[in-house]
Protein backbone atom coordinates (compact mmCIF):
# COMPACT_ATOMS: atom_id res chain seq x y z
CA UNK A 1 -78.22 151.52 48.17
CA UNK A 2 -77.94 153.97 51.41
CA UNK A 3 -78.69 153.60 55.10
CA UNK A 4 -80.82 156.57 56.56
CA UNK A 5 -81.82 156.87 60.31
CA UNK A 6 -84.79 158.46 61.91
CA UNK A 7 -86.69 158.60 65.61
CA UNK A 8 -89.04 155.72 64.97
CA UNK A 9 -91.96 158.16 65.39
CA UNK A 10 -90.46 160.81 62.83
CA UNK A 11 -89.74 158.14 60.18
CA UNK A 12 -91.13 159.34 56.57
CA UNK A 13 -94.77 157.70 56.59
CA UNK A 14 -93.70 156.43 52.64
CA UNK A 15 -90.69 154.59 54.56
CA UNK A 16 -92.31 153.32 57.82
CA UNK A 17 -95.39 151.54 55.45
CA UNK A 18 -92.57 149.37 54.23
CA UNK A 19 -90.96 148.82 57.05
CA UNK A 20 -94.09 147.54 58.92
CA UNK A 21 -94.65 145.41 56.07
CA UNK A 22 -91.38 143.85 56.08
CA UNK A 23 -92.19 143.31 59.85
CA UNK A 24 -95.33 141.68 59.31
CA UNK A 25 -93.67 139.53 56.81
CA UNK A 26 -91.00 138.24 59.00
CA UNK A 27 -93.59 138.21 61.98
CA UNK A 28 -96.85 137.33 60.59
CA UNK A 29 -99.53 139.07 63.03
CA UNK A 30 -101.37 136.04 64.88
CA UNK A 31 -104.90 137.87 65.06
CA UNK A 32 -104.68 138.73 61.16
CA UNK A 33 -104.06 142.41 61.87
CA UNK A 34 -101.09 144.49 61.08
CA UNK A 35 -98.47 146.44 63.01
CA UNK A 36 -99.39 150.07 64.18
CA UNK A 37 -97.00 152.99 63.13
CA UNK A 38 -95.26 152.33 66.55
CA UNK A 39 -93.78 149.39 67.24
CA UNK A 40 -91.63 150.27 70.39
CA UNK A 41 -91.91 152.30 73.99
CA UNK A 42 -91.44 155.93 73.27
CA UNK A 43 -89.34 155.75 76.83
CA UNK A 44 -86.85 153.70 75.23
CA UNK A 45 -86.16 156.44 72.34
CA UNK A 46 -86.35 153.95 69.43
CA UNK A 47 -83.96 154.72 66.47
CA UNK A 48 -85.32 153.57 62.66
CA UNK A 49 -82.11 152.54 60.38
CA UNK A 50 -83.07 151.43 57.19
CA UNK A 51 -81.25 150.31 54.05
CA UNK A 52 -83.04 151.92 51.02
CA UNK A 53 -82.60 151.17 47.20
CA UNK A 54 -84.39 154.18 45.38
CA UNK A 55 -87.62 154.34 47.20
CA UNK A 56 -87.61 150.94 48.21
CA UNK A 57 -86.75 149.75 51.87
CA UNK A 58 -84.60 146.75 51.51
CA UNK A 59 -84.02 145.97 55.44
CA UNK A 60 -84.82 147.98 58.55
CA UNK A 61 -84.00 147.20 62.41
CA UNK A 62 -84.27 149.22 65.36
CA UNK A 63 -82.14 150.22 68.19
CA UNK A 64 -83.51 151.14 71.74
CA UNK A 65 -81.42 153.06 74.48
CA UNK A 66 -81.74 152.40 78.16
CA UNK A 67 -79.46 152.89 81.30
CA UNK A 68 -79.12 149.53 83.28
CA UNK A 69 -77.45 148.78 86.42
CA UNK A 70 -75.28 145.67 86.59
CA UNK A 71 -72.68 144.65 89.16
CA UNK A 72 -73.38 147.93 91.23
CA UNK A 73 -72.87 150.28 88.19
CA UNK A 74 -74.64 151.75 85.25
CA UNK A 75 -74.49 151.46 81.71
CA UNK A 76 -75.70 153.60 78.49
CA UNK A 77 -77.02 150.30 76.45
CA UNK A 78 -78.91 150.24 73.20
CA UNK A 79 -80.01 146.89 71.78
CA UNK A 80 -81.23 145.81 68.43
CA UNK A 81 -84.65 145.13 67.42
CA UNK A 82 -87.32 144.53 64.84
CA UNK A 83 -83.94 143.22 62.20
CA UNK A 84 -85.71 142.26 59.30
CA UNK A 85 -85.04 141.78 55.64
CA UNK A 86 -87.67 142.41 52.77
CA UNK A 87 -88.68 138.63 51.55
CA UNK A 88 -87.71 138.84 47.92
CA UNK A 89 -84.62 140.69 49.00
CA UNK A 90 -82.92 138.18 51.45
CA UNK A 91 -79.67 136.49 50.90
CA UNK A 92 -78.19 139.45 49.63
CA UNK A 93 -75.99 140.67 52.48
CA UNK A 94 -78.32 143.79 53.20
CA UNK A 95 -79.48 142.42 56.59
CA UNK A 96 -75.59 142.15 57.17
CA UNK A 97 -74.64 145.63 56.30
CA UNK A 98 -77.43 146.94 57.91
CA UNK A 99 -76.39 145.18 61.35
CA UNK A 100 -73.01 146.33 61.08
CA UNK A 101 -74.01 149.96 60.14
CA UNK A 102 -75.93 150.23 63.78
CA UNK A 103 -73.33 148.66 65.66
CA UNK A 104 -71.07 151.29 63.91
CA UNK A 105 -74.14 154.10 65.03
CA UNK A 106 -73.95 152.56 68.71
CA UNK A 107 -70.15 153.30 69.55
CA UNK A 108 -70.81 156.38 67.63
CA UNK A 109 -73.35 157.68 70.26
CA UNK A 110 -71.42 156.93 73.15
CA UNK A 111 -72.92 153.91 74.68
CA UNK A 112 -71.07 152.06 77.00
CA UNK A 113 -72.58 148.45 75.50
CA UNK A 114 -74.60 147.20 73.08
CA UNK A 115 -76.73 143.63 73.58
CA UNK A 116 -79.36 141.69 72.45
CA UNK A 117 -80.94 138.51 72.54
CA UNK A 118 -81.65 136.78 68.88
CA UNK A 119 -82.65 133.09 68.10
CA UNK A 120 -79.55 130.93 68.81
CA UNK A 121 -79.84 129.83 64.80
CA UNK A 122 -79.18 133.78 64.07
CA UNK A 123 -76.10 133.55 66.36
CA UNK A 124 -73.39 133.49 63.35
CA UNK A 125 -75.53 136.14 61.42
CA UNK A 126 -74.89 138.66 63.91
CA UNK A 127 -71.31 137.25 64.59
CA UNK A 128 -70.66 138.01 61.01
CA UNK A 129 -71.63 141.59 61.60
CA UNK A 130 -69.39 142.27 64.52
CA UNK A 131 -71.12 141.16 67.24
CA UNK A 132 -70.36 138.49 70.48
CA UNK A 133 -72.03 135.96 71.81
CA UNK A 134 -72.28 136.75 75.53
CA UNK A 135 -71.42 133.52 77.17
CA UNK A 136 -74.49 131.89 79.23
CA UNK A 137 -75.97 135.34 80.03
CA UNK A 138 -79.66 135.62 80.27
CA UNK A 139 -81.27 138.84 79.56
CA UNK A 140 -84.33 139.62 82.05
CA UNK A 141 -86.69 141.68 80.24
CA UNK A 142 -90.03 143.23 81.09
CA UNK A 143 -90.38 144.57 84.36
CA UNK A 144 -89.27 143.90 87.86
CA UNK A 145 -93.02 143.09 88.70
CA UNK A 146 -93.31 141.03 85.77
CA UNK A 147 -90.04 139.69 84.55
CA UNK A 148 -89.40 138.11 80.72
CA UNK A 149 -86.06 136.10 80.95
CA UNK A 150 -84.54 135.30 77.80
CA UNK A 151 -83.81 131.35 79.24
CA UNK A 152 -87.66 130.72 79.56
CA UNK A 153 -89.11 127.63 78.71
CA UNK A 154 -89.80 127.57 74.99
CA UNK A 155 -86.93 130.03 74.10
CA UNK A 156 -83.98 129.14 72.41
CA UNK A 157 -82.21 132.47 72.55
CA UNK A 158 -78.54 133.51 73.18
CA UNK A 159 -77.39 136.80 74.04
CA UNK A 160 -75.00 139.08 71.83
CA UNK A 161 -72.90 141.70 72.55
CA UNK A 162 -69.92 144.34 72.10
CA UNK A 163 -68.45 146.49 74.72
CA UNK A 164 -67.54 149.96 73.33
CA UNK A 165 -66.56 152.03 76.67
CA UNK A 166 -63.68 151.58 78.93
CA UNK A 167 -65.60 151.47 82.21
CA UNK A 168 -67.80 148.49 80.45
CA UNK A 169 -64.87 147.00 78.99
CA UNK A 170 -63.22 146.83 82.02
CA UNK A 171 -66.80 145.30 83.70
CA UNK A 172 -67.31 142.87 80.86
CA UNK A 173 -66.61 139.29 82.61
CA UNK A 174 -69.15 140.30 85.01
CA UNK A 175 -71.72 140.14 82.19
CA UNK A 176 -70.68 136.34 81.59
CA UNK A 177 -72.85 133.82 83.00
CA UNK A 178 -74.73 136.21 84.60
CA UNK A 179 -78.79 137.50 84.63
CA UNK A 180 -78.83 140.96 83.23
CA UNK A 181 -81.51 143.18 84.69
CA UNK A 182 -82.30 144.91 81.50
CA UNK A 183 -86.10 145.32 82.35
CA UNK A 184 -87.20 147.40 79.70
CA UNK A 185 -91.03 147.67 80.06
CA UNK A 186 -93.94 145.89 78.93
CA UNK A 187 -94.26 146.94 75.42
CA UNK A 188 -90.27 145.75 74.68
CA UNK A 189 -90.31 143.15 76.77
CA UNK A 190 -87.13 141.69 74.97
CA UNK A 191 -84.92 143.71 72.61
């Protein structure tokens, strides 16, 4: 098994087809169609990370990148998106291995911090891969004109984070119990 990374748009087609299959298993399309070749807004510079065994993709995720302003400071942020494991490979630790590797890749890419939301029942999974709950934090996605907050009715989300740079570690408590204006756009409302 190995982990490979590509800009989303440059993922080899034989692997991208499998990634879309895994995503459709995790989030079946409501309209009966499938996901398109590109899942994310290119402005967020999506990078696909895949755990492959031979020619088979076992797990996949995407890392999205954006600069955000918080408490009067600017931070280079990254977030996890579309984390999924092939249905027949679930329970083997593949997702955890990939999520931990993504955290290490984010640290190596000189980001200030990583943050994302997940469904509350997945909190322990992400914690086991090195992430931490950001107490009381709400990510505000969407756009300033059409905000998409993680605490909206019907959502049961927690915000996960890790602080990589000295500057972000010094500002860490300002993210606690805060509404963090991420605004990744209309395509990736929350990552």
